[in-house]
Amino acid sequence: MKKIILTLGCVLIALLAFAQPSATDKKQETTTTEPVQVTGTIIRTTTEEGAAASYQPGKTLVVREDSSNYAGRYVLNGRGHVLNKAGEIVQTAIKPGTRVRVYYADMGDLRMIDHVVVID
């Protein structure tokens, strides 16, 4: 008799241990969306084309701009700012005379460089 009661108790515990929750046990969450108003200044990006005078990855890029005889110096902090036409990061030096397009925004007296694309 003890053996039967013990066996039934083990079966009952096993059933409870391996029981799967039913679909009604799941709680459904509701989400709501609220409109958000964003205000700020629109920063217009400008481009300038020219020929690279010198560049080593992670250093200063010197560009002779097409629109003037001025050689612009662009300090690029960190990697990932100079890209090829496919959008891949340029990890080698750029030869002098290589055509580039500089994407920047004027912030007062400063030119904030977004990225540079090597055209050649």
Protein backbone atom coordinates (compact mmCIF):
# COMPACT_ATOMS: atom_id res chain seq x y z
CA MET A 1 0.00 0.00 0.00
CA LYS A 2 2.83 2.37 0.85
CA LYS A 3 4.43 1.55 -2.48
CA ILE A 4 1.27 2.50 -4.41
CA ILE A 5 0.84 5.80 -2.53
CA LEU A 6 4.50 6.64 -3.05
CA THR A 7 4.26 5.83 -6.78
CA LEU A 8 1.12 7.98 -7.19
CA GLY A 9 2.81 10.86 -5.36
CA CYS A 10 5.85 10.66 -7.66
CA VAL A 11 3.63 10.61 -10.75
CA LEU A 12 1.69 13.64 -9.49
CA ILE A 13 4.90 15.58 -8.81
CA ALA A 14 6.30 14.63 -12.23
CA LEU A 15 3.13 15.81 -13.97
CA LEU A 16 3.29 19.16 -12.20
CA ALA A 17 6.99 19.55 -12.94
CA PHE A 18 6.62 18.94 -16.69
CA ALA A 19 3.31 20.72 -17.16
CA GLN A 20 3.17 23.26 -20.01
CA PRO A 21 1.45 26.57 -19.39
CA SER A 22 -1.71 27.02 -21.38
CA ALA A 23 -2.31 29.83 -23.86
CA THR A 24 -4.60 31.56 -21.38
CA ASP A 25 -1.71 31.98 -18.93
CA LYS A 26 0.01 34.51 -21.21
CA LYS A 27 -0.57 38.14 -20.49
CA GLN A 28 -1.04 40.47 -23.41
CA GLU A 29 0.60 43.85 -23.15
CA THR A 30 -0.91 46.87 -24.79
CA THR A 31 1.24 49.66 -26.11
CA THR A 32 0.24 53.16 -26.93
CA THR A 33 2.03 55.70 -29.04
CA GLU A 34 2.03 59.37 -28.43
CA PRO A 35 3.12 62.03 -30.90
CA VAL A 36 6.38 63.76 -30.03
CA GLN A 37 7.26 67.23 -31.23
CA VAL A 38 10.93 67.79 -31.96
CA THR A 39 12.29 71.29 -32.31
CA GLY A 40 15.76 72.39 -33.28
CA THR A 41 17.90 74.05 -35.85
CA ILE A 42 18.24 72.54 -39.29
CA ILE A 43 21.90 72.10 -40.12
CA ARG A 44 22.50 72.29 -43.85
CA THR A 45 25.30 70.16 -45.19
CA THR A 46 27.39 71.62 -48.00
CA THR A 47 29.90 69.92 -50.25
CA GLU A 48 33.18 71.14 -51.67
CA GLU A 49 35.24 69.31 -54.27
CA GLY A 50 38.96 69.43 -54.67
CA ALA A 51 42.18 67.49 -54.88
CA ALA A 52 43.83 65.97 -51.84
CA ALA A 53 47.25 67.41 -51.12
CA SER A 54 48.05 64.98 -48.31
CA TYR A 55 46.32 62.55 -45.96
CA GLN A 56 47.34 59.75 -43.63
CA PRO A 57 44.51 57.82 -41.89
CA GLY A 58 43.60 59.40 -38.55
CA LYS A 59 45.46 62.64 -39.38
CA THR A 60 44.82 66.00 -41.03
CA LEU A 61 43.44 66.08 -44.57
CA VAL A 62 44.69 68.92 -46.76
CA VAL A 63 42.49 69.64 -49.80
CA ARG A 64 43.13 72.11 -52.62
CA GLU A 65 39.59 73.32 -53.29
CA ASP A 66 38.43 73.72 -56.90
CA SER A 67 36.61 77.00 -56.26
CA SER A 68 39.74 78.82 -55.06
CA ASN A 69 43.48 78.64 -54.72
CA TYR A 70 42.96 78.09 -50.99
CA ALA A 71 44.18 74.84 -49.51
CA GLY A 72 41.69 73.85 -46.81
CA ARG A 73 42.94 71.90 -43.83
CA TYR A 74 40.45 69.51 -42.31
CA VAL A 75 41.28 67.86 -39.01
CA LEU A 76 39.52 64.51 -38.84
CA ASN A 77 39.22 63.21 -35.29
CA GLY A 78 39.04 59.44 -35.38
CA ARG A 79 38.52 56.92 -38.12
CA GLY A 80 35.55 56.50 -40.40
CA HIS A 81 35.40 59.98 -41.89
CA VAL A 82 37.13 59.22 -45.21
CA LEU A 83 35.19 56.83 -47.44
CA ASN A 84 35.47 55.49 -50.97
CA LYS A 85 32.59 55.61 -53.49
CA ALA A 86 31.25 52.29 -52.16
CA GLY A 87 30.98 53.74 -48.63
CA GLU A 88 33.88 51.71 -47.25
CA ILE A 89 36.38 53.32 -44.86
CA VAL A 90 39.66 54.31 -46.53
CA GLN A 91 42.45 52.83 -44.45
CA THR A 92 45.41 53.78 -46.60
CA ALA A 93 47.10 57.07 -47.41
CA ILE A 94 45.54 59.17 -50.17
CA LYS A 95 47.88 60.11 -52.99
CA PRO A 96 48.31 63.84 -53.70
CA GLY A 97 46.01 64.93 -56.53
CA THR A 98 43.30 62.37 -55.73
CA ARG A 99 39.83 63.90 -56.23
CA VAL A 100 37.75 64.17 -53.05
CA ARG A 101 34.37 65.60 -52.04
CA VAL A 102 34.17 67.10 -48.53
CA TYR A 103 30.75 67.12 -46.80
CA TYR A 104 30.59 69.78 -44.09
CA ALA A 105 28.30 72.16 -42.23
CA ASP A 106 29.15 75.76 -41.37
CA MET A 107 28.70 76.42 -37.66
CA GLY A 108 29.53 80.11 -37.27
CA ASP A 109 33.19 80.47 -38.18
CA LEU A 110 33.80 76.73 -37.98
CA ARG A 111 33.47 74.11 -40.69
CA MET A 112 32.28 70.88 -39.10
CA ILE A 113 33.30 67.97 -41.32
CA ASP A 114 30.81 65.13 -41.58
CA HIS A 115 32.70 62.90 -44.00
CA VAL A 116 34.94 62.91 -47.08
CA VAL A 117 34.39 60.74 -50.16
CA VAL A 118 37.30 59.81 -52.42
CA ILE A 119 35.99 60.25 -55.99
CA ASP A 120 38.88 58.74 -57.98
